[in-house]
Amino acid sequence: ALPIYRVNQLLDQVNDADIAELLKDLSLSGQVAYIHQLYQPAAMFEFLPLVQQRNIIEQLPHSKAAHLLSTMHSDDRTDLYQVLAYPLQQQLLQHLTPAIQEKIQELAQYPAESAGALMSSEFVMLSPHLNMLQAIAALRQQAADRETLYLIYIVDQLQHLLGVIALR
């Protein structure tokens, strides 16, 4: 059998969606064990069906589950949070930062399948005073943890919208 570090080295070369597809074939205990081994499981975890995400989260220690939730994209995190049993929701909230708690509460207010529930509240803003190199550096920093990036908003110091750059 391969040591776990070697398995992780091999899986580092595989797309997160493909790993999620492979994970579906493991037993629940195998899935939980694999999640424990990953340094940053959120990227792969988000590709799993919501029911499978819930089943895994329910088996993780609360601190590990909360960490996983905190590293997920806000819309995916909220979707998962909403399907958890109320007692587990409350326990996990205690392990999340106030900012993440607030974001979950805000997005959870929207009815399922509404525009508010489906949209991502994560976006990129740039100053009009940046040169091209500065703008690229700022984009790399801000967009690193964004699920999608279709629009860049150009705003002044008071965050008034000056323009929009479409990337599609």
N, C-alpha and C. Protein backbone atom coordinates (compact mmCIF):
# COMPACT_ATOMS: atom_id res chain seq x y z
N ALA A 1 0.84 -1.20 0.00
CA ALA A 1 0.00 0.00 0.00
C ALA A 1 0.87 1.24 0.00
N LEU A 2 0.38 2.27 -0.69
CA LEU A 2 1.10 3.54 -0.76
C LEU A 2 0.91 4.33 0.52
N PRO A 3 1.98 4.96 1.01
CA PRO A 3 1.82 5.84 2.17
C PRO A 3 0.94 7.04 1.77
N ILE A 4 0.26 7.61 2.75
CA ILE A 4 -0.70 8.68 2.49
C ILE A 4 -0.05 9.89 1.84
N TYR A 5 1.20 10.22 2.20
CA TYR A 5 1.84 11.38 1.59
C TYR A 5 2.04 11.17 0.10
N ARG A 6 2.31 9.93 -0.31
CA ARG A 6 2.49 9.62 -1.74
C ARG A 6 1.14 9.69 -2.47
N VAL A 7 0.10 9.23 -1.84
CA VAL A 7 -1.24 9.33 -2.43
C VAL A 7 -1.58 10.81 -2.63
N ASN A 8 -1.30 11.63 -1.63
CA ASN A 8 -1.58 13.06 -1.74
C ASN A 8 -0.75 13.71 -2.85
N GLN A 9 0.50 13.29 -3.00
CA GLN A 9 1.33 13.82 -4.09
C GLN A 9 0.71 13.49 -5.44
N LEU A 10 0.23 12.27 -5.59
CA LEU A 10 -0.40 11.87 -6.84
C LEU A 10 -1.70 12.63 -7.08
N LEU A 11 -2.49 12.80 -6.03
CA LEU A 11 -3.77 13.49 -6.17
C LEU A 11 -3.62 14.98 -6.39
N ASP A 12 -2.47 15.55 -6.00
CA ASP A 12 -2.21 16.97 -6.27
C ASP A 12 -2.22 17.27 -7.76
N GLN A 13 -2.01 16.25 -8.56
CA GLN A 13 -1.94 16.41 -10.01
C GLN A 13 -3.31 16.17 -10.67
N VAL A 14 -4.33 15.86 -9.86
CA VAL A 14 -5.66 15.54 -10.37
C VAL A 14 -6.61 16.71 -10.07
N ASN A 15 -7.50 17.00 -11.00
CA ASN A 15 -8.50 18.05 -10.85
C ASN A 15 -9.39 17.77 -9.65
N ASP A 16 -9.77 18.83 -8.91
CA ASP A 16 -10.62 18.68 -7.72
C ASP A 16 -11.95 17.99 -8.04
N ALA A 17 -12.54 18.29 -9.18
CA ALA A 17 -13.81 17.66 -9.56
C ALA A 17 -13.63 16.15 -9.75
N ASP A 18 -12.50 15.77 -10.30
CA ASP A 18 -12.22 14.34 -10.50
C ASP A 18 -11.99 13.63 -9.17
N ILE A 19 -11.33 14.29 -8.25
CA ILE A 19 -11.12 13.70 -6.91
C ILE A 19 -12.46 13.52 -6.22
N ALA A 20 -13.34 14.52 -6.34
CA ALA A 20 -14.67 14.42 -5.73
C ALA A 20 -15.43 13.24 -6.33
N GLU A 21 -15.28 13.03 -7.61
CA GLU A 21 -15.95 11.90 -8.26
C GLU A 21 -15.41 10.57 -7.72
N LEU A 22 -14.11 10.49 -7.50
CA LEU A 22 -13.51 9.28 -6.93
C LEU A 22 -13.96 9.08 -5.48
N LEU A 23 -14.06 10.17 -4.75
CA LEU A 23 -14.44 10.11 -3.34
C LEU A 23 -15.84 9.53 -3.15
N LYS A 24 -16.71 9.75 -4.13
CA LYS A 24 -18.08 9.25 -4.05
C LYS A 24 -18.11 7.73 -3.91
N ASP A 25 -17.07 7.05 -4.41
CA ASP A 25 -17.04 5.59 -4.39
C ASP A 25 -16.57 5.02 -3.06
N LEU A 26 -16.07 5.87 -2.17
CA LEU A 26 -15.62 5.41 -0.86
C LEU A 26 -16.79 5.33 0.11
N SER A 27 -16.63 4.54 1.13
CA SER A 27 -17.62 4.51 2.21
C SER A 27 -17.58 5.86 2.92
N LEU A 28 -18.61 6.15 3.71
CA LEU A 28 -18.63 7.41 4.45
C LEU A 28 -17.41 7.52 5.36
N SER A 29 -17.05 6.45 6.03
CA SER A 29 -15.86 6.51 6.91
C SER A 29 -14.60 6.74 6.09
N GLY A 30 -14.53 6.19 4.89
CA GLY A 30 -13.38 6.42 4.01
C GLY A 30 -13.33 7.87 3.54
N GLN A 31 -14.49 8.44 3.23
CA GLN A 31 -14.56 9.84 2.81
C GLN A 31 -14.10 10.76 3.94
N VAL A 32 -14.57 10.48 5.14
CA VAL A 32 -14.20 11.30 6.30
C VAL A 32 -12.70 11.18 6.55
N ALA A 33 -12.17 9.98 6.47
CA ALA A 33 -10.73 9.78 6.68
C ALA A 33 -9.93 10.55 5.64
N TYR A 34 -10.39 10.55 4.39
CA TYR A 34 -9.68 11.27 3.33
C TYR A 34 -9.72 12.77 3.58
N ILE A 35 -10.88 13.28 3.96
CA ILE A 35 -11.02 14.73 4.25
C ILE A 35 -10.05 15.13 5.36
N HIS A 36 -9.89 14.28 6.36
CA HIS A 36 -8.95 14.56 7.46
C HIS A 36 -7.52 14.68 6.96
N GLN A 37 -7.19 13.99 5.89
CA GLN A 37 -5.82 13.98 5.38
C GLN A 37 -5.48 15.21 4.54
N LEU A 38 -6.50 15.87 4.01
CA LEU A 38 -6.26 16.99 3.10
C LEU A 38 -5.93 18.26 3.86
N TYR A 39 -4.98 19.01 3.33
CA TYR A 39 -4.61 20.28 3.93
C TYR A 39 -5.70 21.33 3.68
N GLN A 40 -6.20 21.40 2.42
CA GLN A 40 -7.25 22.34 2.07
C GLN A 40 -8.32 21.60 1.26
N PRO A 41 -9.26 20.96 1.93
CA PRO A 41 -10.23 20.13 1.23
C PRO A 41 -11.39 20.89 0.58
N ALA A 42 -11.56 22.16 0.85
CA ALA A 42 -12.76 22.88 0.40
C ALA A 42 -12.93 22.87 -1.11
N ALA A 43 -11.85 23.04 -1.86
CA ALA A 43 -11.97 23.10 -3.32
C ALA A 43 -12.57 21.82 -3.88
N MET A 44 -12.13 20.69 -3.37
CA MET A 44 -12.67 19.40 -3.80
C MET A 44 -14.05 19.17 -3.21
N PHE A 45 -14.22 19.52 -1.95
CA PHE A 45 -15.45 19.26 -1.20
C PHE A 45 -16.66 19.89 -1.87
N GLU A 46 -16.48 21.08 -2.44
CA GLU A 46 -17.59 21.80 -3.07
C GLU A 46 -18.14 21.09 -4.31
N PHE A 47 -17.37 20.16 -4.87
CA PHE A 47 -17.84 19.40 -6.04
C PHE A 47 -18.70 18.21 -5.64
N LEU A 48 -18.73 17.88 -4.36
CA LEU A 48 -19.55 16.76 -3.91
C LEU A 48 -21.03 17.16 -3.86
N PRO A 49 -21.94 16.21 -4.04
CA PRO A 49 -23.36 16.53 -3.88
C PRO A 49 -23.62 17.01 -2.45
N LEU A 50 -24.60 17.89 -2.31
CA LEU A 50 -24.91 18.50 -1.02
C LEU A 50 -25.21 17.47 0.06
N VAL A 51 -25.91 16.42 -0.28
CA VAL A 51 -26.23 15.37 0.70
C VAL A 51 -24.95 14.70 1.19
N GLN A 52 -24.01 14.48 0.29
CA GLN A 52 -22.74 13.87 0.68
C GLN A 52 -21.93 14.83 1.55
N GLN A 53 -21.93 16.11 1.20
CA GLN A 53 -21.25 17.10 2.03
C GLN A 53 -21.81 17.08 3.45
N ARG A 54 -23.15 17.07 3.54
CA ARG A 54 -23.79 17.05 4.86
C ARG A 54 -23.38 15.81 5.65
N ASN A 55 -23.41 14.66 5.01
CA ASN A 55 -23.06 13.41 5.70
C ASN A 55 -21.62 13.46 6.23
N ILE A 56 -20.73 14.02 5.45
CA ILE A 56 -19.32 14.11 5.88
C ILE A 56 -19.18 15.11 7.03
N ILE A 57 -19.76 16.29 6.88
CA ILE A 57 -19.68 17.34 7.92
C ILE A 57 -20.20 16.81 9.25
N GLU A 58 -21.28 16.04 9.20
CA GLU A 58 -21.86 15.49 10.44
C GLU A 58 -20.92 14.54 11.16
N GLN A 59 -19.95 13.97 10.45
CA GLN A 59 -19.02 13.02 11.05
C GLN A 59 -17.71 13.66 11.52
N LEU A 60 -17.48 14.90 11.12
CA LEU A 60 -16.23 15.58 11.49
C LEU A 60 -16.34 16.22 12.86
N PRO A 61 -15.21 16.33 13.57
CA PRO A 61 -15.22 17.13 14.81
C PRO A 61 -15.68 18.56 14.46
N HIS A 62 -16.35 19.20 15.38
CA HIS A 62 -16.92 20.52 15.09
C HIS A 62 -15.86 21.52 14.64
N SER A 63 -14.70 21.50 15.24
CA SER A 63 -13.67 22.46 14.84
C SER A 63 -13.20 22.21 13.40
N LYS A 64 -13.06 20.96 13.03
CA LYS A 64 -12.66 20.61 11.66
C LYS A 64 -13.79 20.96 10.68
N ALA A 65 -15.02 20.66 11.05
CA ALA A 65 -16.16 20.98 10.19
C ALA A 65 -16.28 22.49 9.99
N ALA A 66 -16.11 23.24 11.05
CA ALA A 66 -16.19 24.70 10.97
C ALA A 66 -15.07 25.26 10.11
N HIS A 67 -13.87 24.69 10.24
CA HIS A 67 -12.75 25.15 9.41
C HIS A 67 -13.06 24.88 7.94
N LEU A 68 -13.59 23.71 7.65
CA LEU A 68 -13.94 23.37 6.28
C LEU A 68 -15.00 24.34 5.76
N LEU A 69 -16.02 24.60 6.54
CA LEU A 69 -17.06 25.56 6.15
C LEU A 69 -16.46 26.94 5.89
N SER A 70 -15.55 27.36 6.74
CA SER A 70 -14.99 28.71 6.63
C SER A 70 -14.14 28.89 5.38
N THR A 71 -13.65 27.80 4.81
CA THR A 71 -12.81 27.91 3.62
C THR A 71 -13.58 27.69 2.32
N MET A 72 -14.88 27.40 2.45
CA MET A 72 -15.72 27.23 1.26
C MET A 72 -16.16 28.59 0.72
N HIS A 73 -16.56 28.63 -0.55
CA HIS A 73 -17.13 29.85 -1.11
C HIS A 73 -18.44 30.15 -0.40
N SER A 74 -18.74 31.43 -0.26
CA SER A 74 -19.87 31.84 0.58
C SER A 74 -21.20 31.22 0.16
N ASP A 75 -21.47 31.11 -1.13
CA ASP A 75 -22.75 30.54 -1.56
C ASP A 75 -22.82 29.05 -1.29
N ASP A 76 -21.71 28.33 -1.52
CA ASP A 76 -21.67 26.89 -1.23
C ASP A 76 -21.75 26.63 0.27
N ARG A 77 -21.04 27.46 1.05
CA ARG A 77 -21.06 27.34 2.51
C ARG A 77 -22.48 27.50 3.04
N THR A 78 -23.19 28.50 2.52
CA THR A 78 -24.55 28.76 2.99
C THR A 78 -25.49 27.63 2.60
N ASP A 79 -25.35 27.12 1.38
CA ASP A 79 -26.18 25.99 0.95
C ASP A 79 -26.01 24.81 1.90
N LEU A 80 -24.77 24.50 2.24
CA LEU A 80 -24.50 23.38 3.14
C LEU A 80 -25.05 23.68 4.54
N TYR A 81 -24.78 24.85 5.03
CA TYR A 81 -25.25 25.24 6.37
C TYR A 81 -26.76 25.06 6.48
N GLN A 82 -27.49 25.42 5.44
CA GLN A 82 -28.95 25.36 5.48
C GLN A 82 -29.51 23.94 5.53
N VAL A 83 -28.74 22.95 5.08
CA VAL A 83 -29.25 21.57 5.13
C VAL A 83 -28.82 20.83 6.39
N LEU A 84 -28.05 21.49 7.24
CA LEU A 84 -27.63 20.86 8.49
C LEU A 84 -28.75 20.98 9.54
N ALA A 85 -28.78 20.03 10.44
CA ALA A 85 -29.74 20.09 11.55
C ALA A 85 -29.44 21.33 12.40
N TYR A 86 -30.48 21.93 12.93
CA TYR A 86 -30.35 23.16 13.71
C TYR A 86 -29.32 23.05 14.84
N PRO A 87 -29.32 21.97 15.64
CA PRO A 87 -28.31 21.90 16.71
C PRO A 87 -26.87 21.94 16.18
N LEU A 88 -26.64 21.27 15.04
CA LEU A 88 -25.29 21.29 14.46
C LEU A 88 -24.97 22.68 13.91
N GLN A 89 -25.94 23.33 13.30
CA GLN A 89 -25.72 24.70 12.83
C GLN A 89 -25.22 25.58 13.98
N GLN A 90 -25.91 25.49 15.12
CA GLN A 90 -25.57 26.33 16.27
C GLN A 90 -24.18 26.00 16.81
N GLN A 91 -23.83 24.72 16.84
CA GLN A 91 -22.51 24.32 17.34
C GLN A 91 -21.41 24.81 16.39
N LEU A 92 -21.65 24.72 15.09
CA LEU A 92 -20.64 25.15 14.13
C LEU A 92 -20.47 26.67 14.14
N LEU A 93 -21.56 27.39 14.32
CA LEU A 93 -21.46 28.85 14.37
C LEU A 93 -20.50 29.32 15.45
N GLN A 94 -20.45 28.60 16.55
CA GLN A 94 -19.56 28.98 17.66
C GLN A 94 -18.07 28.92 17.25
N HIS A 95 -17.77 28.13 16.23
CA HIS A 95 -16.38 27.97 15.78
C HIS A 95 -16.03 28.87 14.60
N LEU A 96 -17.00 29.63 14.10
CA LEU A 96 -16.77 30.49 12.94
C LEU A 96 -16.54 31.93 13.37
N THR A 97 -15.81 32.66 12.56
CA THR A 97 -15.57 34.07 12.87
C THR A 97 -16.87 34.86 12.75
N PRO A 98 -16.97 35.98 13.45
CA PRO A 98 -18.18 36.80 13.34
C PRO A 98 -18.49 37.21 11.89
N ALA A 99 -17.46 37.47 11.10
CA ALA A 99 -17.68 37.87 9.70
C ALA A 99 -18.33 36.74 8.90
N ILE A 100 -17.88 35.52 9.11
CA ILE A 100 -18.45 34.37 8.39
C ILE A 100 -19.85 34.09 8.92
N GLN A 101 -20.04 34.19 10.21
CA GLN A 101 -21.38 34.02 10.78
C GLN A 101 -22.35 35.00 10.13
N GLU A 102 -21.94 36.24 10.03
CA GLU A 102 -22.79 37.29 9.45
C GLU A 102 -23.10 36.99 7.99
N LYS A 103 -22.10 36.54 7.24
CA LYS A 103 -22.30 36.24 5.82
C LYS A 103 -23.27 35.08 5.65
N ILE A 104 -23.16 34.05 6.47
CA ILE A 104 -24.09 32.92 6.40
C ILE A 104 -25.50 33.40 6.70
N GLN A 105 -25.67 34.17 7.77
CA GLN A 105 -26.99 34.66 8.16
C GLN A 105 -27.59 35.53 7.05
N GLU A 106 -26.76 36.35 6.43
CA GLU A 106 -27.22 37.23 5.36
C GLU A 106 -27.70 36.42 4.15
N LEU A 107 -26.88 35.48 3.69
CA LEU A 107 -27.24 34.71 2.50
C LEU A 107 -28.36 33.72 2.77
N ALA A 108 -28.48 33.24 4.01
CA ALA A 108 -29.51 32.27 4.35
C ALA A 108 -30.91 32.88 4.33
N GLN A 109 -30.99 34.19 4.31
CA GLN A 109 -32.29 34.87 4.30
C GLN A 109 -33.00 34.74 2.95
N TYR A 110 -32.24 34.51 1.88
CA TYR A 110 -32.83 34.45 0.55
C TYR A 110 -33.53 33.11 0.33
N PRO A 111 -34.70 33.12 -0.31
CA PRO A 111 -35.39 31.86 -0.61
C PRO A 111 -34.53 30.99 -1.55
N ALA A 112 -34.62 29.67 -1.38
CA ALA A 112 -33.86 28.75 -2.23
C ALA A 112 -34.17 29.04 -3.70
N GLU A 113 -33.15 28.95 -4.52
CA GLU A 113 -33.24 29.16 -5.97
C GLU A 113 -33.57 30.59 -6.38
N SER A 114 -33.60 31.53 -5.44
CA SER A 114 -33.78 32.93 -5.81
C SER A 114 -32.44 33.48 -6.28
N ALA A 115 -32.46 34.62 -6.94
CA ALA A 115 -31.22 35.23 -7.42
C ALA A 115 -30.25 35.46 -6.26
N GLY A 116 -30.77 35.94 -5.13
CA GLY A 116 -29.92 36.21 -3.97
C GLY A 116 -29.26 34.96 -3.43
N ALA A 117 -29.98 33.83 -3.48
CA ALA A 117 -29.42 32.58 -2.98
C ALA A 117 -28.40 31.99 -3.94
N LEU A 118 -28.59 32.23 -5.23
CA LEU A 118 -27.72 31.63 -6.23
C LEU A 118 -26.47 32.45 -6.52
N MET A 119 -26.55 33.74 -6.33
CA MET A 119 -25.41 34.58 -6.67
C MET A 119 -24.31 34.47 -5.62
N SER A 120 -23.13 34.79 -6.06
CA SER A 120 -22.02 34.87 -5.12
C SER A 120 -21.88 36.32 -4.69
N SER A 121 -21.65 36.53 -3.42
CA SER A 121 -21.49 37.90 -2.92
C SER A 121 -20.02 38.32 -2.91
N GLU A 122 -19.18 37.51 -3.50
CA GLU A 122 -17.76 37.80 -3.55
C GLU A 122 -17.44 38.45 -4.90
N PHE A 123 -16.85 39.62 -4.86
CA PHE A 123 -16.54 40.34 -6.10
C PHE A 123 -15.20 41.05 -5.95
N VAL A 124 -14.72 41.58 -7.06
CA VAL A 124 -13.41 42.23 -7.10
C VAL A 124 -13.60 43.71 -7.43
N MET A 125 -12.95 44.56 -6.64
CA MET A 125 -12.97 46.00 -6.87
C MET A 125 -11.54 46.49 -7.05
N LEU A 126 -11.37 47.43 -7.97
CA LEU A 126 -10.06 48.03 -8.20
C LEU A 126 -10.19 49.54 -8.23
N SER A 127 -9.12 50.21 -7.87
CA SER A 127 -9.04 51.66 -7.94
C SER A 127 -8.71 52.07 -9.37
N PRO A 128 -9.23 53.20 -9.83
CA PRO A 128 -8.89 53.68 -11.17
C PRO A 128 -7.45 54.22 -11.25
N HIS A 129 -6.80 54.35 -10.12
CA HIS A 129 -5.47 54.94 -10.08
C HIS A 129 -4.34 53.92 -10.20
N LEU A 130 -4.69 52.64 -10.35
CA LEU A 130 -3.67 51.60 -10.47
C LEU A 130 -3.13 51.55 -11.89
N ASN A 131 -1.81 51.32 -12.01
CA ASN A 131 -1.27 51.05 -13.34
C ASN A 131 -1.50 49.57 -13.65
N MET A 132 -1.16 49.13 -14.83
CA MET A 132 -1.46 47.77 -15.26
C MET A 132 -0.82 46.72 -14.34
N LEU A 133 0.44 46.89 -13.97
CA LEU A 133 1.11 45.92 -13.10
C LEU A 133 0.46 45.87 -11.72
N GLN A 134 0.11 47.02 -11.19
CA GLN A 134 -0.56 47.07 -9.89
C GLN A 134 -1.94 46.42 -9.96
N ALA A 135 -2.65 46.67 -11.04
CA ALA A 135 -3.99 46.09 -11.21
C ALA A 135 -3.90 44.56 -11.30
N ILE A 136 -2.95 44.06 -12.04
CA ILE A 136 -2.78 42.60 -12.15
C ILE A 136 -2.43 42.00 -10.80
N ALA A 137 -1.54 42.65 -10.06
CA ALA A 137 -1.17 42.15 -8.72
C ALA A 137 -2.38 42.16 -7.80
N ALA A 138 -3.17 43.23 -7.83
CA ALA A 138 -4.37 43.32 -6.99
C ALA A 138 -5.39 42.27 -7.39
N LEU A 139 -5.55 42.04 -8.69
CA LEU A 139 -6.47 41.00 -9.17
C LEU A 139 -6.05 39.63 -8.67
N ARG A 140 -4.77 39.34 -8.78
CA ARG A 140 -4.28 38.03 -8.32
C ARG A 140 -4.56 37.84 -6.84
N GLN A 141 -4.36 38.88 -6.06
CA GLN A 141 -4.59 38.79 -4.62
C GLN A 141 -6.08 38.64 -4.30
N GLN A 142 -6.91 39.47 -4.89
CA GLN A 142 -8.35 39.44 -4.58
C GLN A 142 -9.06 38.24 -5.18
N ALA A 143 -8.65 37.83 -6.37
CA ALA A 143 -9.36 36.77 -7.08
C ALA A 143 -8.94 35.37 -6.65
N ALA A 144 -7.91 35.26 -5.86
CA ALA A 144 -7.39 33.94 -5.47
C ALA A 144 -8.43 33.07 -4.79
N ASP A 145 -9.30 33.66 -4.01
CA ASP A 145 -10.30 32.87 -3.28
C ASP A 145 -11.72 33.10 -3.81
N ARG A 146 -11.83 33.60 -5.03
CA ARG A 146 -13.15 33.83 -5.62
C ARG A 146 -13.53 32.62 -6.47
N GLU A 147 -14.78 32.26 -6.40
CA GLU A 147 -15.27 31.12 -7.17
C GLU A 147 -15.31 31.44 -8.66
N THR A 148 -15.82 32.60 -8.99
CA THR A 148 -15.90 33.04 -10.38
C THR A 148 -15.48 34.49 -10.46
N LEU A 149 -15.01 34.87 -11.61
CA LEU A 149 -14.60 36.25 -11.81
C LEU A 149 -15.00 36.65 -13.22
N TYR A 150 -16.17 37.28 -13.33
CA TYR A 150 -16.66 37.73 -14.62
C TYR A 150 -16.61 39.24 -14.76
N LEU A 151 -16.69 39.92 -13.63
CA LEU A 151 -16.72 41.38 -13.65
C LEU A 151 -15.73 41.95 -12.65
N ILE A 152 -15.13 43.07 -13.03
CA ILE A 152 -14.26 43.81 -12.13
C ILE A 152 -14.88 45.20 -12.00
N TYR A 153 -15.12 45.60 -10.77
CA TYR A 153 -15.74 46.90 -10.51
C TYR A 153 -14.66 47.92 -10.21
N ILE A 154 -14.72 49.04 -10.91
CA ILE A 154 -13.78 50.15 -10.68
C ILE A 154 -14.51 51.15 -9.79
N VAL A 155 -13.93 51.41 -8.61
CA VAL A 155 -14.59 52.27 -7.62
C VAL A 155 -13.61 53.33 -7.12
N ASP A 156 -14.19 54.46 -6.69
CA ASP A 156 -13.37 55.52 -6.12
C ASP A 156 -13.12 55.23 -4.64
N GLN A 157 -12.49 56.18 -3.94
CA GLN A 157 -12.14 55.98 -2.54
C GLN A 157 -13.35 55.80 -1.64
N LEU A 158 -14.51 56.31 -2.05
CA LEU A 158 -15.75 56.17 -1.27
C LEU A 158 -16.58 54.98 -1.76
N GLN A 159 -15.98 54.16 -2.60
CA GLN A 159 -16.60 52.97 -3.19
C GLN A 159 -17.80 53.30 -4.08
N HIS A 160 -17.75 54.47 -4.73
CA HIS A 160 -18.74 54.80 -5.75
C HIS A 160 -18.32 54.11 -7.04
N LEU A 161 -19.26 53.51 -7.69
CA LEU A 161 -18.97 52.80 -8.93
C LEU A 161 -18.63 53.78 -10.05
N LEU A 162 -17.45 53.55 -10.64
CA LEU A 162 -17.00 54.38 -11.76
C LEU A 162 -17.10 53.65 -13.08
N GLY A 163 -17.00 52.33 -13.02
CA GLY A 163 -17.06 51.54 -14.24
C GLY A 163 -16.98 50.07 -13.96
N VAL A 164 -17.22 49.28 -15.00
CA VAL A 164 -17.20 47.82 -14.88
C VAL A 164 -16.42 47.27 -16.06
N ILE A 165 -15.56 46.30 -15.78
CA ILE A 165 -14.83 45.60 -16.83
C ILE A 165 -15.38 44.19 -16.88
N ALA A 166 -15.92 43.80 -18.03
CA ALA A 166 -16.45 42.44 -18.21
C ALA A 166 -15.34 41.55 -18.75
N LEU A 167 -15.15 40.38 -18.15
CA LEU A 167 -14.10 39.46 -18.55
C LEU A 167 -14.61 38.33 -19.44
N ARG A 168 -15.87 38.34 -19.75
CA ARG A 168 -16.45 37.29 -20.59
C ARG A 168 -16.38 37.65 -22.03
